[in-house]
Amino acid sequence: MRRRPLAALALAVLTAAGACGEPTRDEVAGPSGHVPAASPGDSGETGNTEEGLIDQRDAGAPAAAAVLDPIAALPPTELPLTLLATMRAQDPADAAATIRNDETGVIRQYRVGDPLAEDATLAAVSIAAVQIQRDGDSESLAIRRTSIELREGDVYYPDLVEPDDFVGVLTQGLQLPEGLHYVVKRPDNAYGTPRTIRAIQDSVRAYAQRVQGGPQIHVGDISQRGGGHFPPHLSHRNGRDVDVGYVLLGDEADDLRFRHAGPHNLDVARSWALLASFLEAGEAHYVFLDYGLQRLLYEHAVAEGVTPERLAEVFQYPRGRGAPHGIVRHWRGHSNHFHVRFRE
């Protein structure tokens, strides 16, 4: 995919279908319809704020920033983050910023007080920089003067801000027991809230009732006993997340390891039945699932007669892999399993 500056993102046209579709203006717009502003440069672009349009042409000069913006004068953060836009408000506590996590490629809108990373919180927002409170110190993250390029793996989910992504404990966790229709890959990492444990068991039971025969479902990590930081996962901290293997064909079906799925080995009918069972249980907040596999499951659901309204509610596909729509969303690294985030 040809890379383009963020300023040109509003002109991108979505390919109607396929895993390479790029987001349209509507897909990258936030809840208010604003498109994230590009970094200030010679073009004189402006950024959208809750107060109106802010002219950012003079926002990037380091010397001026140090005098006029005390946040920009703070030591720069070393966190792998890119500030894309700032949104000020009459009450500074209501200000927000659009930030990309450069490691995961996920772009989100954060409000003051939201966690950005382990032990790092968005503390304040100015016209061209944000203050990050980290380990007791104040750091800055400024909008770059050079153009910012979106990458093929970047996704923009303005509605996906979970304060518990980087914090959380599990005070009343239950361990998922072995079941008749599923196998737990690592029991020591399979602790969840009572609601999560019940939802997993109910969903797999419903799947087994609608699909006779077939291999056991492979249930991966939920949380560790007591919750908290669980590397290499970004989430899985408070018993509300679970990794589930796709149902595969042939010899790979009984392999306990999560295997990469595709047209050659995905049991599309059974995998759709499994996903549908989790969705119909009514407890899934989001499901993270590779965009290319979404297409296979979507087409199967169409063939089964699922209504267009239900398809639009469930799937991000075919709007593009960065589209902030659907319960099922693309997230890099989910071609060998899908990830269910349950409601509180």
C-alpha atoms as a PDB file:
ATOM      1  CA  MET A   1       0.000   0.000   0.000  1.00  0.00           C
ATOM      2  CA  ARG A   2       1.319   3.445  -0.880  1.00  0.00           C
ATOM      3  CA  ARG A   3       1.875   5.418   2.277  1.00  0.00           C
ATOM      4  CA  ARG A   4       0.388   8.889   2.476  1.00  0.00           C
ATOM      5  CA  PRO A   5       0.636  11.806   4.886  1.00  0.00           C
ATOM      6  CA  LEU A   6      -2.089  12.019   7.486  1.00  0.00           C
ATOM      7  CA  ALA A   7      -3.207  15.312   5.915  1.00  0.00           C
ATOM      8  CA  ALA A   8      -4.278  13.368   2.849  1.00  0.00           C
ATOM      9  CA  LEU A   9      -6.213  10.796   4.853  1.00  0.00           C
ATOM     10  CA  ALA A  10      -9.486  12.672   4.494  1.00  0.00           C
ATOM     11  CA  LEU A  11      -9.230  12.155   0.733  1.00  0.00           C
ATOM     12  CA  ALA A  12      -8.711   8.395   0.929  1.00  0.00           C
ATOM     13  CA  VAL A  13     -11.341   6.309  -0.822  1.00  0.00           C
ATOM     14  CA  LEU A  14     -12.421   2.972   0.591  1.00  0.00           C
ATOM     15  CA  THR A  15     -12.128  -0.023  -1.684  1.00  0.00           C
ATOM     16  CA  ALA A  16     -15.601  -1.539  -1.607  1.00  0.00           C
ATOM     17  CA  ALA A  17     -14.405  -4.946  -0.408  1.00  0.00           C
ATOM     18  CA  GLY A  18     -11.249  -6.872   0.391  1.00  0.00           C
ATOM     19  CA  ALA A  19      -8.659  -6.872   3.118  1.00  0.00           C
ATOM     20  CA  CYS A  20      -6.714  -3.999   1.600  1.00  0.00           C
ATOM     21  CA  GLY A  21      -9.516  -1.435   1.852  1.00  0.00           C
ATOM     22  CA  GLU A  22      -8.436   1.894   3.301  1.00  0.00           C
ATOM     23  CA  PRO A  23     -10.606   4.011   5.604  1.00  0.00           C
ATOM     24  CA  THR A  24     -12.775   6.756   4.197  1.00  0.00           C
ATOM     25  CA  ARG A  25     -13.344  10.165   5.782  1.00  0.00           C
ATOM     26  CA  ASP A  26     -16.355   8.839   7.678  1.00  0.00           C
ATOM     27  CA  GLU A  27     -14.305   5.933   9.018  1.00  0.00           C
ATOM     28  CA  VAL A  28     -11.503   8.030  10.431  1.00  0.00           C
ATOM     29  CA  ALA A  29     -13.808  10.680  11.829  1.00  0.00           C
ATOM     30  CA  GLY A  30     -14.479  10.679  15.534  1.00  0.00           C
ATOM     31  CA  PRO A  31     -17.910  10.647  17.134  1.00  0.00           C
ATOM     32  CA  SER A  32     -18.372  14.339  16.284  1.00  0.00           C
ATOM     33  CA  GLY A  33     -17.399  13.779  12.657  1.00  0.00           C
ATOM     34  CA  HIS A  34     -14.001  15.485  12.981  1.00  0.00           C
ATOM     35  CA  VAL A  35     -11.016  14.072  11.144  1.00  0.00           C
ATOM     36  CA  PRO A  36      -7.743  14.003  13.128  1.00  0.00           C
ATOM     37  CA  ALA A  37      -5.588  16.961  12.180  1.00  0.00           C
ATOM     38  CA  ALA A  38      -2.270  16.493  10.423  1.00  0.00           C
ATOM     39  CA  SER A  39       0.915  17.786  11.937  1.00  0.00           C
ATOM     40  CA  PRO A  40       1.420  21.525  11.426  1.00  0.00           C
ATOM     41  CA  GLY A  41       3.553  22.452   8.458  1.00  0.00           C
ATOM     42  CA  ASP A  42       3.773  24.780   5.510  1.00  0.00           C
ATOM     43  CA  SER A  43       0.294  23.945   4.292  1.00  0.00           C
ATOM     44  CA  GLY A  44      -1.364  25.842   7.152  1.00  0.00           C
ATOM     45  CA  GLU A  45      -3.659  22.973   8.125  1.00  0.00           C
ATOM     46  CA  THR A  46      -5.880  23.392  11.134  1.00  0.00           C
ATOM     47  CA  GLY A  47      -6.945  20.989  13.813  1.00  0.00           C
ATOM     48  CA  ASN A  48     -10.503  20.475  15.003  1.00  0.00           C
ATOM     49  CA  THR A  49     -11.325  21.201  18.614  1.00  0.00           C
ATOM     50  CA  GLU A  50     -14.427  21.406  20.686  1.00  0.00           C
ATOM     51  CA  GLU A  51     -14.033  25.185  20.637  1.00  0.00           C
ATOM     52  CA  GLY A  52     -13.773  25.341  16.850  1.00  0.00           C
ATOM     53  CA  LEU A  53     -10.877  25.334  14.424  1.00  0.00           C
ATOM     54  CA  ILE A  54      -7.394  25.920  15.784  1.00  0.00           C
ATOM     55  CA  ASP A  55      -4.716  27.271  13.444  1.00  0.00           C
ATOM     56  CA  GLN A  56      -1.605  25.165  14.040  1.00  0.00           C
ATOM     57  CA  ARG A  57       0.771  26.945  11.640  1.00  0.00           C
ATOM     58  CA  ASP A  58       2.809  28.447  14.459  1.00  0.00           C
ATOM     59  CA  ALA A  59       2.414  25.580  16.906  1.00  0.00           C
ATOM     60  CA  GLY A  60       5.544  23.665  16.064  1.00  0.00           C
ATOM     61  CA  ALA A  61       8.422  26.075  16.558  1.00  0.00           C
ATOM     62  CA  PRO A  62      10.390  24.694  19.521  1.00  0.00           C
ATOM     63  CA  ALA A  63      11.604  28.088  20.753  1.00  0.00           C
ATOM     64  CA  ALA A  64       8.149  29.631  20.626  1.00  0.00           C
ATOM     65  CA  ALA A  65       6.597  26.531  22.184  1.00  0.00           C
ATOM     66  CA  ALA A  66       8.930  26.678  25.147  1.00  0.00           C
ATOM     67  CA  VAL A  67       7.861  30.262  25.839  1.00  0.00           C
ATOM     68  CA  LEU A  68       4.157  30.050  25.043  1.00  0.00           C
ATOM     69  CA  ASP A  69       3.370  26.450  25.959  1.00  0.00           C
ATOM     70  CA  PRO A  70       4.692  25.149  29.285  1.00  0.00           C
ATOM     71  CA  ILE A  71       3.615  21.615  28.336  1.00  0.00           C
ATOM     72  CA  ALA A  72       5.772  21.645  25.199  1.00  0.00           C
ATOM     73  CA  ALA A  73       8.703  22.790  27.360  1.00  0.00           C
ATOM     74  CA  LEU A  74       8.591  19.574  29.431  1.00  0.00           C
ATOM     75  CA  PRO A  75      11.102  16.799  28.671  1.00  0.00           C
ATOM     76  CA  PRO A  76       9.913  14.725  25.698  1.00  0.00           C
ATOM     77  CA  THR A  77       8.580  11.273  26.455  1.00  0.00           C
ATOM     78  CA  GLU A  78      10.329   8.155  25.231  1.00  0.00           C
ATOM     79  CA  LEU A  79       7.066   6.233  24.941  1.00  0.00           C
ATOM     80  CA  PRO A  80       6.393   4.922  21.393  1.00  0.00           C
ATOM     81  CA  LEU A  81       3.453   7.282  20.801  1.00  0.00           C
ATOM     82  CA  THR A  82       2.544   9.770  18.067  1.00  0.00           C
ATOM     83  CA  LEU A  83       0.286  12.733  18.783  1.00  0.00           C
ATOM     84  CA  LEU A  84      -2.048  13.280  15.834  1.00  0.00           C
ATOM     85  CA  ALA A  85      -4.510  15.900  17.091  1.00  0.00           C
ATOM     86  CA  THR A  86      -5.543  17.817  20.196  1.00  0.00           C
ATOM     87  CA  MET A  87      -9.057  18.804  21.206  1.00  0.00           C
ATOM     88  CA  ARG A  88      -9.347  21.495  23.855  1.00  0.00           C
ATOM     89  CA  ALA A  89     -12.432  22.335  25.872  1.00  0.00           C
ATOM     90  CA  GLN A  90     -13.634  25.118  28.147  1.00  0.00           C
ATOM     91  CA  ASP A  91     -12.978  22.798  31.082  1.00  0.00           C
ATOM     92  CA  PRO A  92      -9.370  21.513  30.742  1.00  0.00           C
ATOM     93  CA  ALA A  93     -10.477  18.249  32.338  1.00  0.00           C
ATOM     94  CA  ASP A  94     -12.664  17.595  29.268  1.00  0.00           C
ATOM     95  CA  ALA A  95      -9.820  18.032  26.770  1.00  0.00           C
ATOM     96  CA  ALA A  96      -8.758  15.086  24.626  1.00  0.00           C
ATOM     97  CA  ALA A  97      -6.080  13.972  22.195  1.00  0.00           C
ATOM     98  CA  THR A  98      -5.860  11.526  19.311  1.00  0.00           C
ATOM     99  CA  ILE A  99      -2.757   9.375  19.763  1.00  0.00           C
ATOM    100  CA  ARG A 100      -1.268   6.436  17.893  1.00  0.00           C
ATOM    101  CA  ASN A 101       0.481   3.650  19.744  1.00  0.00           C
ATOM    102  CA  ASP A 102       3.373   3.086  17.351  1.00  0.00           C
ATOM    103  CA  GLU A 103       3.918  -0.490  18.532  1.00  0.00           C
ATOM    104  CA  THR A 104       0.363  -1.733  18.036  1.00  0.00           C
ATOM    105  CA  GLY A 105      -0.742   0.694  15.312  1.00  0.00           C
ATOM    106  CA  VAL A 106      -3.968   1.450  17.198  1.00  0.00           C
ATOM    107  CA  ILE A 107      -5.160   5.069  17.076  1.00  0.00           C
ATOM    108  CA  ARG A 108      -7.519   6.162  19.821  1.00  0.00           C
ATOM    109  CA  GLN A 109      -8.963   9.264  21.387  1.00  0.00           C
ATOM    110  CA  TYR A 110      -7.881   9.753  24.993  1.00  0.00           C
ATOM    111  CA  ARG A 111      -9.321  12.166  27.528  1.00  0.00           C
ATOM    112  CA  VAL A 112      -7.484  13.712  30.438  1.00  0.00           C
ATOM    113  CA  GLY A 113      -7.008  11.045  33.087  1.00  0.00           C
ATOM    114  CA  ASP A 114      -6.986   8.086  30.666  1.00  0.00           C
ATOM    115  CA  PRO A 115      -4.031   5.662  30.848  1.00  0.00           C
ATOM    116  CA  LEU A 116      -1.727   5.712  27.818  1.00  0.00           C
ATOM    117  CA  ALA A 117       0.611   2.894  28.821  1.00  0.00           C
ATOM    118  CA  GLU A 118       1.875   1.105  31.895  1.00  0.00           C
ATOM    119  CA  ASP A 119       2.189   3.780  34.633  1.00  0.00           C
ATOM    120  CA  ALA A 120       1.550   6.605  32.148  1.00  0.00           C
ATOM    121  CA  THR A 121      -1.512   8.875  32.165  1.00  0.00           C
ATOM    122  CA  LEU A 122      -2.690  11.742  29.966  1.00  0.00           C
ATOM    123  CA  ALA A 123      -2.472  14.670  32.393  1.00  0.00           C
ATOM    124  CA  ALA A 124      -3.187  17.783  30.283  1.00  0.00           C
ATOM    125  CA  VAL A 125      -3.699  18.950  26.697  1.00  0.00           C
ATOM    126  CA  SER A 126      -2.507  22.122  24.980  1.00  0.00           C
ATOM    127  CA  ILE A 127      -2.814  23.315  21.399  1.00  0.00           C
ATOM    128  CA  ALA A 128       0.093  21.258  20.048  1.00  0.00           C
ATOM    129  CA  ALA A 129       1.270  18.998  22.878  1.00  0.00           C
ATOM    130  CA  VAL A 130       0.060  16.820  25.718  1.00  0.00           C
ATOM    131  CA  GLN A 131       1.428  16.290  29.205  1.00  0.00           C
ATOM    132  CA  ILE A 132       2.061  12.711  30.289  1.00  0.00           C
ATOM    133  CA  GLN A 133       2.389  11.830  33.949  1.00  0.00           C
ATOM    134  CA  ARG A 134       4.744   8.874  34.240  1.00  0.00           C
ATOM    135  CA  ASP A 135       6.353   7.395  37.321  1.00  0.00           C
ATOM    136  CA  GLY A 136       5.889  10.673  39.166  1.00  0.00           C
ATOM    137  CA  ASP A 137       7.475  12.772  36.413  1.00  0.00           C
ATOM    138  CA  SER A 138       5.881  15.045  33.819  1.00  0.00           C
ATOM    139  CA  GLU A 139       6.752  14.502  30.158  1.00  0.00           C
ATOM    140  CA  SER A 140       5.531  15.990  26.890  1.00  0.00           C
ATOM    141  CA  LEU A 141       4.395  14.575  23.567  1.00  0.00           C
ATOM    142  CA  ALA A 142       4.187  17.166  20.801  1.00  0.00           C
ATOM    143  CA  ILE A 143       2.656  17.190  17.347  1.00  0.00           C
ATOM    144  CA  ARG A 144       5.433  16.770  14.832  1.00  0.00           C
ATOM    145  CA  ARG A 145       6.227  19.467  12.301  1.00  0.00           C
ATOM    146  CA  THR A 146       6.901  16.867   9.618  1.00  0.00           C
ATOM    147  CA  SER A 147       4.131  14.912   7.912  1.00  0.00           C
ATOM    148  CA  ILE A 148       2.915  11.822   9.738  1.00  0.00           C
ATOM    149  CA  GLU A 149       2.464   8.712   7.646  1.00  0.00           C
ATOM    150  CA  LEU A 150      -0.207   6.165   8.333  1.00  0.00           C
ATOM    151  CA  ARG A 151       0.966   2.587   8.011  1.00  0.00           C
ATOM    152  CA  GLU A 152      -0.837  -0.376   6.527  1.00  0.00           C
ATOM    153  CA  GLY A 153      -1.420  -1.885   9.958  1.00  0.00           C
ATOM    154  CA  ASP A 154      -2.773   1.278  11.595  1.00  0.00           C
ATOM    155  CA  VAL A 155      -6.388   1.208  12.771  1.00  0.00           C
ATOM    156  CA  TYR A 156      -8.449   4.095  14.131  1.00  0.00           C
ATOM    157  CA  TYR A 157     -10.954   3.172  16.838  1.00  0.00           C
ATOM    158  CA  PRO A 158     -12.176   6.380  18.492  1.00  0.00           C
ATOM    159  CA  ASP A 159     -14.797   4.453  20.462  1.00  0.00           C
ATOM    160  CA  LEU A 160     -12.393   1.889  21.871  1.00  0.00           C
ATOM    161  CA  VAL A 161     -11.020   3.595  24.960  1.00  0.00           C
ATOM    162  CA  GLU A 162     -10.807   1.153  27.813  1.00  0.00           C
ATOM    163  CA  PRO A 163      -9.391   2.607  31.053  1.00  0.00           C
ATOM    164  CA  ASP A 164      -8.752  -0.934  32.238  1.00  0.00           C
ATOM    165  CA  ASP A 165      -6.392  -1.728  29.360  1.00  0.00           C
ATOM    166  CA  PHE A 166      -3.363  -0.834  31.468  1.00  0.00           C
ATOM    167  CA  VAL A 167      -4.669  -1.224  34.983  1.00  0.00           C
ATOM    168  CA  GLY A 168      -6.887  -3.645  36.761  1.00  0.00           C
ATOM    169  CA  VAL A 169      -7.017  -6.400  39.286  1.00  0.00           C
ATOM    170  CA  LEU A 170      -9.146  -9.476  39.644  1.00  0.00           C
ATOM    171  CA  THR A 171     -10.395  -9.656  43.211  1.00  0.00           C
ATOM    172  CA  GLN A 172     -13.096 -12.325  42.779  1.00  0.00           C
ATOM    173  CA  GLY A 173     -11.593 -14.364  39.984  1.00  0.00           C
ATOM    174  CA  LEU A 174     -12.659 -17.902  39.159  1.00  0.00           C
ATOM    175  CA  GLN A 175     -10.592 -20.433  37.272  1.00  0.00           C
ATOM    176  CA  LEU A 176     -12.199 -21.805  34.129  1.00  0.00           C
ATOM    177  CA  PRO A 177     -12.571 -25.545  34.752  1.00  0.00           C
ATOM    178  CA  GLU A 178     -12.103 -28.179  32.094  1.00  0.00           C
ATOM    179  CA  GLY A 179     -15.231 -28.808  30.071  1.00  0.00           C
ATOM    180  CA  LEU A 180     -16.745 -31.465  27.859  1.00  0.00           C
ATOM    181  CA  HIS A 181     -16.641 -29.356  24.697  1.00  0.00           C
ATOM    182  CA  TYR A 182     -13.510 -27.282  25.247  1.00  0.00           C
ATOM    183  CA  VAL A 183      -9.941 -27.633  26.454  1.00  0.00           C
ATOM    184  CA  VAL A 184      -8.058 -24.976  28.421  1.00  0.00           C
ATOM    185  CA  LYS A 185      -4.568 -24.413  27.036  1.00  0.00           C
ATOM    186  CA  ARG A 186      -2.971 -22.995  30.205  1.00  0.00           C
ATOM    187  CA  PRO A 187      -5.188 -23.402  33.288  1.00  0.00           C
ATOM    188  CA  ASP A 188      -2.922 -21.161  35.399  1.00  0.00           C
ATOM    189  CA  ASN A 189      -3.728 -18.288  33.010  1.00  0.00           C
ATOM    190  CA  ALA A 190      -7.471 -18.951  32.851  1.00  0.00           C
ATOM    191  CA  TYR A 191      -8.906 -16.832  35.685  1.00  0.00           C
ATOM    192  CA  GLY A 192     -11.856 -14.569  34.945  1.00  0.00           C
ATOM    193  CA  THR A 193     -14.715 -12.743  36.552  1.00  0.00           C
ATOM    194  CA  PRO A 194     -17.686 -14.949  37.403  1.00  0.00           C
ATOM    195  CA  ARG A 195     -19.605 -13.265  34.572  1.00  0.00           C
ATOM    196  CA  THR A 196     -16.816 -13.982  32.082  1.00  0.00           C
ATOM    197  CA  ILE A 197     -16.447 -17.628  33.121  1.00  0.00           C
ATOM    198  CA  ARG A 198     -20.185 -18.164  32.808  1.00  0.00           C
ATOM    199  CA  ALA A 199     -20.282 -16.454  29.397  1.00  0.00           C
ATOM    200  CA  ILE A 200     -17.480 -18.661  28.047  1.00  0.00           C
ATOM    201  CA  GLN A 201     -19.167 -21.842  29.257  1.00  0.00           C
ATOM    202  CA  ASP A 202     -22.602 -20.784  27.980  1.00  0.00           C
ATOM    203  CA  SER A 203     -21.196 -19.791  24.582  1.00  0.00           C
ATOM    204  CA  VAL A 204     -19.322 -23.052  24.054  1.00  0.00           C
ATOM    205  CA  ARG A 205     -22.343 -25.049  25.238  1.00  0.00           C
ATOM    206  CA  ALA A 206     -24.564 -23.210  22.739  1.00  0.00           C
ATOM    207  CA  TYR A 207     -22.024 -23.885  19.993  1.00  0.00           C
ATOM    208  CA  ALA A 208     -21.954 -27.595  20.767  1.00  0.00           C
ATOM    209  CA  GLN A 209     -25.756 -27.743  20.595  1.00  0.00           C
ATOM    210  CA  ARG A 210     -25.912 -26.108  17.159  1.00  0.00           C
ATOM    211  CA  VAL A 211     -22.943 -27.978  15.640  1.00  0.00           C
ATOM    212  CA  GLN A 212     -22.860 -31.719  16.170  1.00  0.00           C
ATOM    213  CA  GLY A 213     -19.448 -33.364  16.320  1.00  0.00           C
ATOM    214  CA  GLY A 214     -16.209 -31.623  15.555  1.00  0.00           C
ATOM    215  CA  PRO A 215     -13.105 -30.956  17.644  1.00  0.00           C
ATOM    216  CA  GLN A 216     -13.027 -29.426  21.086  1.00  0.00           C
ATOM    217  CA  ILE A 217     -12.772 -25.639  21.290  1.00  0.00           C
ATOM    218  CA  HIS A 218      -9.363 -24.362  22.381  1.00  0.00           C
ATOM    219  CA  VAL A 219      -9.584 -21.693  25.073  1.00  0.00           C
ATOM    220  CA  GLY A 220      -6.448 -19.628  25.618  1.00  0.00           C
ATOM    221  CA  ASP A 221      -5.473 -16.980  28.132  1.00  0.00           C
ATOM    222  CA  ILE A 222      -8.021 -15.070  30.221  1.00  0.00           C
ATOM    223  CA  SER A 223      -6.086 -13.519  33.147  1.00  0.00           C
ATOM    224  CA  GLN A 224      -3.651 -14.643  35.777  1.00  0.00           C
ATOM    225  CA  ARG A 225      -4.761 -15.264  39.328  1.00  0.00           C
ATOM    226  CA  GLY A 226      -5.410 -11.822  40.823  1.00  0.00           C
ATOM    227  CA  GLY A 227      -5.222 -10.087  37.425  1.00  0.00           C
ATOM    228  CA  GLY A 228      -2.832  -7.266  36.672  1.00  0.00           C
ATOM    229  CA  HIS A 229       0.003  -6.911  34.166  1.00  0.00           C
ATOM    230  CA  PHE A 230       0.170  -9.999  31.966  1.00  0.00           C
ATOM    231  CA  PRO A 231       2.916  -9.821  29.327  1.00  0.00           C
ATOM    232  CA  PRO A 232       2.979 -10.161  26.383  1.00  0.00           C
ATOM    233  CA  HIS A 233      -0.710  -9.191  26.434  1.00  0.00           C
ATOM    234  CA  LEU A 234      -1.751  -5.543  26.452  1.00  0.00           C
ATOM    235  CA  SER A 235      -5.037  -6.421  28.123  1.00  0.00           C
ATOM    236  CA  HIS A 236      -6.080  -9.651  29.919  1.00  0.00           C
ATOM    237  CA  ARG A 237      -5.658  -7.829  33.230  1.00  0.00           C
ATOM    238  CA  ASN A 238      -9.053  -7.986  34.899  1.00  0.00           C
ATOM    239  CA  GLY A 239     -10.688 -11.239  33.854  1.00  0.00           C
ATOM    240  CA  ARG A 240     -12.752  -9.795  31.003  1.00  0.00           C
ATOM    241  CA  ASP A 241     -10.718 -10.987  28.000  1.00  0.00           C
ATOM    242  CA  VAL A 242     -10.332 -14.440  26.496  1.00  0.00           C
ATOM    243  CA  ASP A 243      -8.459 -15.824  23.487  1.00  0.00           C
ATOM    244  CA  VAL A 244     -10.263 -18.543  21.540  1.00  0.00           C
ATOM    245  CA  GLY A 245      -8.835 -20.661  18.730  1.00  0.00           C
ATOM    246  CA  TYR A 246     -10.558 -20.900  15.357  1.00  0.00           C
ATOM    247  CA  VAL A 247     -12.043 -24.255  14.405  1.00  0.00           C
ATOM    248  CA  LEU A 248      -9.699 -25.764  11.826  1.00  0.00           C
ATOM    249  CA  LEU A 249      -9.841 -28.626   9.340  1.00  0.00           C
ATOM    250  CA  GLY A 250      -7.779 -31.801   9.129  1.00  0.00           C
ATOM    251  CA  ASP A 251      -4.926 -32.682  11.440  1.00  0.00           C
ATOM    252  CA  GLU A 252      -4.641 -29.097  12.699  1.00  0.00           C
ATOM    253  CA  ALA A 253      -8.111 -29.263  14.270  1.00  0.00           C
ATOM    254  CA  ASP A 254      -6.836 -31.040  17.392  1.00  0.00           C
ATOM    255  CA  ASP A 255      -3.548 -29.160  17.694  1.00  0.00           C
ATOM    256  CA  LEU A 256      -3.665 -27.320  21.008  1.00  0.00           C
ATOM    257  CA  ARG A 257      -1.433 -24.563  19.635  1.00  0.00           C
ATOM    258  CA  PHE A 258      -3.155 -21.654  17.968  1.00  0.00           C
ATOM    259  CA  ARG A 259      -2.496 -22.152  14.242  1.00  0.00           C
ATOM    260  CA  HIS A 260      -2.787 -19.461  11.576  1.00  0.00           C
ATOM    261  CA  ALA A 261      -6.112 -19.792   9.779  1.00  0.00           C
ATOM    262  CA  GLY A 262      -7.002 -19.090   6.167  1.00  0.00           C
ATOM    263  CA  PRO A 263      -9.085 -20.427   3.264  1.00  0.00           C
ATOM    264  CA  HIS A 264      -6.927 -23.551   3.197  1.00  0.00           C
ATOM    265  CA  ASN A 265      -7.613 -24.731   6.751  1.00  0.00           C
ATOM    266  CA  LEU A 266     -10.428 -22.710   8.352  1.00  0.00           C
ATOM    267  CA  ASP A 267     -13.603 -24.645   9.093  1.00  0.00           C
ATOM    268  CA  VAL A 268     -15.709 -21.655   8.134  1.00  0.00           C
ATOM    269  CA  ALA A 269     -19.091 -23.128   9.090  1.00  0.00           C
ATOM    270  CA  ARG A 270     -17.999 -24.229  12.563  1.00  0.00           C
ATOM    271  CA  SER A 271     -15.947 -21.082  13.205  1.00  0.00           C
ATOM    272  CA  TRP A 272     -18.946 -18.921  12.314  1.00  0.00           C
ATOM    273  CA  ALA A 273     -21.158 -21.015  14.597  1.00  0.00           C
ATOM    274  CA  LEU A 274     -18.650 -20.534  17.411  1.00  0.00           C
ATOM    275  CA  LEU A 275     -18.384 -16.782  16.873  1.00  0.00           C
ATOM    276  CA  ALA A 276     -22.164 -16.458  16.584  1.00  0.00           C
ATOM    277  CA  SER A 277     -22.601 -18.306  19.880  1.00  0.00           C
ATOM    278  CA  PHE A 278     -20.344 -15.818  21.675  1.00  0.00           C
ATOM    279  CA  LEU A 279     -22.199 -12.901  20.078  1.00  0.00           C
ATOM    280  CA  GLU A 280     -25.671 -14.240  20.812  1.00  0.00           C
ATOM    281  CA  ALA A 281     -24.824 -14.702  24.480  1.00  0.00           C
ATOM    282  CA  GLY A 282     -25.039 -10.905  24.685  1.00  0.00           C
ATOM    283  CA  GLU A 283     -21.925 -10.486  26.851  1.00  0.00           C
ATOM    284  CA  ALA A 284     -19.344  -9.617  24.187  1.00  0.00           C
ATOM    285  CA  HIS A 285     -18.327  -5.960  24.104  1.00  0.00           C
ATOM    286  CA  TYR A 286     -15.827  -6.390  21.256  1.00  0.00           C
ATOM    287  CA  VAL A 287     -14.313  -9.256  19.308  1.00  0.00           C
ATOM    288  CA  PHE A 288     -10.892  -8.773  17.722  1.00  0.00           C
ATOM    289  CA  LEU A 289     -10.543 -10.897  14.598  1.00  0.00           C
ATOM    290  CA  ASP A 290      -8.327 -10.683  11.507  1.00  0.00           C
ATOM    291  CA  TYR A 291      -9.959  -8.673   8.697  1.00  0.00           C
ATOM    292  CA  GLY A 292      -9.247 -11.286   6.029  1.00  0.00           C
ATOM    293  CA  LEU A 293     -10.950 -13.950   8.150  1.00  0.00           C
ATOM    294  CA  GLN A 294     -13.855 -11.576   8.738  1.00  0.00           C
ATOM    295  CA  ARG A 295     -14.477 -11.710   4.997  1.00  0.00           C
ATOM    296  CA  LEU A 296     -14.714 -15.519   5.003  1.00  0.00           C
ATOM    297  CA  LEU A 297     -17.082 -15.554   7.983  1.00  0.00           C
ATOM    298  CA  TYR A 298     -19.131 -12.657   6.610  1.00  0.00           C
ATOM    299  CA  GLU A 299     -19.662 -14.391   3.266  1.00  0.00           C
ATOM    300  CA  HIS A 300     -20.692 -17.588   5.041  1.00  0.00           C
ATOM    301  CA  ALA A 301     -23.142 -15.654   7.237  1.00  0.00           C
ATOM    302  CA  VAL A 302     -24.651 -14.080   4.112  1.00  0.00           C
ATOM    303  CA  ALA A 303     -25.107 -17.532   2.593  1.00  0.00           C
ATOM    304  CA  GLU A 304     -26.827 -18.655   5.802  1.00  0.00           C
ATOM    305  CA  GLY A 305     -29.346 -15.840   5.465  1.00  0.00           C
ATOM    306  CA  VAL A 306     -28.189 -13.506   8.215  1.00  0.00           C
ATOM    307  CA  THR A 307     -29.982 -10.182   7.698  1.00  0.00           C
ATOM    308  CA  PRO A 308     -28.072  -7.144   6.376  1.00  0.00           C
ATOM    309  CA  GLU A 309     -28.944  -5.264   9.556  1.00  0.00           C
ATOM    310  CA  ARG A 310     -27.399  -7.955  11.748  1.00  0.00           C
ATOM    311  CA  LEU A 311     -24.332  -8.218   9.501  1.00  0.00           C
ATOM    312  CA  ALA A 312     -23.789  -4.454   9.754  1.00  0.00           C
ATOM    313  CA  GLU A 313     -24.109  -4.618  13.537  1.00  0.00           C
ATOM    314  CA  VAL A 314     -21.684  -7.519  13.918  1.00  0.00           C
ATOM    315  CA  PHE A 315     -18.978  -7.059  11.290  1.00  0.00           C
ATOM    316  CA  GLN A 316     -16.469  -4.341  10.559  1.00  0.00           C
ATOM    317  CA  TYR A 317     -16.085  -5.920   7.100  1.00  0.00           C
ATOM    318  CA  PRO A 318     -16.531  -4.676   4.356  1.00  0.00           C
ATOM    319  CA  ARG A 319     -16.067  -1.084   5.571  1.00  0.00           C
ATOM    320  CA  GLY A 320     -12.273  -1.395   5.838  1.00  0.00           C
ATOM    321  CA  ARG A 321      -9.878  -2.753   8.449  1.00  0.00           C
ATOM    322  CA  GLY A 322      -9.662   0.598  10.239  1.00  0.00           C
ATOM    323  CA  ALA A 323     -13.391   1.311  10.337  1.00  0.00           C
ATOM    324  CA  PRO A 324     -14.784   2.063  13.831  1.00  0.00           C
ATOM    325  CA  HIS A 325     -17.924  -0.008  13.214  1.00  0.00           C
ATOM    326  CA  GLY A 326     -19.096  -3.436  14.279  1.00  0.00           C
ATOM    327  CA  ILE A 327     -18.638  -5.615  17.325  1.00  0.00           C
ATOM    328  CA  VAL A 328     -16.034  -7.615  15.392  1.00  0.00           C
ATOM    329  CA  ARG A 329     -12.917  -5.512  14.683  1.00  0.00           C
ATOM    330  CA  HIS A 330      -9.577  -6.131  13.014  1.00  0.00           C
ATOM    331  CA  TRP A 331      -6.549  -6.136  15.283  1.00  0.00           C
ATOM    332  CA  ARG A 332      -3.088  -7.192  14.198  1.00  0.00           C
ATOM    333  CA  GLY A 333      -2.018 -10.625  15.427  1.00  0.00           C
ATOM    334  CA  HIS A 334      -5.437 -12.282  15.416  1.00  0.00           C
ATOM    335  CA  SER A 335      -5.110 -14.614  12.446  1.00  0.00           C
ATOM    336  CA  ASN A 336      -4.600 -17.639  14.703  1.00  0.00           C
ATOM    337  CA  HIS A 337      -7.249 -16.866  17.335  1.00  0.00           C
ATOM    338  CA  PHE A 338      -9.974 -14.366  18.096  1.00  0.00           C
ATOM    339  CA  HIS A 339     -10.162 -12.273  21.243  1.00  0.00           C
ATOM    340  CA  VAL A 340     -13.420 -11.631  23.078  1.00  0.00           C
ATOM    341  CA  ARG A 341     -13.671  -8.677  25.464  1.00  0.00           C
ATOM    342  CA  PHE A 342     -16.666  -9.110  27.738  1.00  0.00           C
ATOM    343  CA  ARG A 343     -18.782  -6.424  29.321  1.00  0.00           C
ATOM    344  CA  GLU A 344     -18.269  -5.500  32.940  1.00  0.00           C
END
